[in-house]
Amino acid sequence: MSDRRQELKLRVEAKKKELEQKLAELRANAEGVKNDEMDRIDGQLTDLSSLLSSGWENLTENTANKLNDWLK
C-alpha cells in the first residue's frame, strides 16, 4: 500500500473511531430515544462501509477521492 493510501487509511480509521465513540455516547444518553445526530452518524458509518466494501487492497482512485470527501 502506498504512503498516500496508508495515510488515508489511518485518517479514515481515526474518523470512524471518533464517530463510533460519539454514537455510543449519544446512545448512552438517549434513554431509548433516537435523534437526528444519531441518524446522521449512522448514515456516515453506513456510507463508509459501502465505500470500503471491496477492501483497502482493492481501493480505486475514485473510491479514494470519495473517502477524502467523506472525511470532510
Protein backbone atom coordinates (compact mmCIF):
# COMPACT_ATOMS: atom_id res chain seq x y z
CA MET A 1 0.00 0.00 0.00
CA SER A 2 1.39 3.39 -0.97
CA ASP A 3 2.19 6.02 1.64
CA ARG A 4 -0.78 8.13 0.46
CA ARG A 5 -3.14 5.19 0.79
CA GLN A 6 -1.73 4.28 4.20
CA GLU A 7 -2.22 7.88 5.38
CA LEU A 8 -5.78 7.86 4.04
CA LYS A 9 -6.48 4.58 5.82
CA LEU A 10 -5.19 5.97 9.13
CA ARG A 11 -7.28 9.13 8.76
CA VAL A 12 -10.41 7.14 7.88
CA GLU A 13 -9.91 4.75 10.80
CA ALA A 14 -9.43 7.66 13.22
CA LYS A 15 -12.59 9.38 11.98
CA LYS A 16 -14.52 6.10 12.16
CA LYS A 17 -13.47 5.57 15.79
CA GLU A 18 -14.41 9.15 16.60
CA LEU A 19 -17.88 8.69 15.09
CA GLU A 20 -18.39 5.33 16.81
CA GLN A 21 -17.45 6.87 20.16
CA LYS A 22 -19.80 9.81 19.62
CA LEU A 23 -22.60 7.44 18.63
CA ALA A 24 -22.03 5.32 21.74
CA GLU A 25 -22.21 8.45 23.92
CA LEU A 26 -25.41 9.58 22.23
CA ARG A 27 -26.99 6.16 22.68
CA ALA A 28 -25.98 6.05 26.34
CA ASN A 29 -27.57 9.44 26.95
CA ALA A 30 -30.60 8.97 24.70
CA GLU A 31 -32.69 6.96 27.16
CA GLY A 32 -34.19 4.95 24.32
CA VAL A 33 -34.95 7.94 22.12
CA LYS A 34 -33.29 8.24 18.70
CA ASN A 35 -32.31 11.66 17.49
CA ASP A 36 -31.15 13.33 14.29
CA GLU A 37 -27.49 13.32 15.32
CA MET A 38 -27.57 9.56 15.86
CA ASP A 39 -29.19 9.08 12.46
CA ARG A 40 -26.58 11.32 10.80
CA ILE A 41 -23.69 9.38 12.35
CA ASP A 42 -25.30 6.03 11.48
CA GLY A 43 -25.58 7.26 7.89
CA GLN A 44 -21.93 8.30 7.78
CA LEU A 45 -20.81 4.91 9.07
CA THR A 46 -23.05 3.14 6.56
CA ASP A 47 -21.58 5.25 3.75
CA LEU A 48 -18.08 4.32 4.90
CA SER A 49 -18.95 0.64 4.97
CA SER A 50 -20.23 0.87 1.40
CA LEU A 51 -17.12 2.68 0.21
CA LEU A 52 -14.86 0.04 1.75
CA SER A 53 -16.90 -2.98 0.66
CA SER A 54 -14.09 -4.13 -1.66
CA GLY A 55 -11.42 -3.70 0.99
CA TRP A 56 -8.37 -1.47 1.21
CA GLU A 57 -6.37 -3.76 -1.09
CA ASN A 58 -8.77 -3.06 -3.97
CA LEU A 59 -9.16 0.68 -3.39
CA THR A 60 -9.59 2.58 -6.64
CA GLU A 61 -8.63 6.22 -7.18
CA ASN A 62 -12.33 7.07 -7.43
CA THR A 63 -13.04 5.44 -4.07
CA ALA A 64 -10.03 7.17 -2.52
CA ASN A 65 -11.46 10.50 -3.69
CA LYS A 66 -14.84 9.62 -2.19
CA LEU A 67 -13.15 8.69 1.09
CA ASN A 68 -11.40 12.05 1.15
CA ASP A 69 -14.79 13.70 0.64
CA TRP A 70 -16.25 11.54 3.43
CA LEU A 71 -13.57 12.84 5.79
CA LYS A 72 -14.69 16.45 5.29
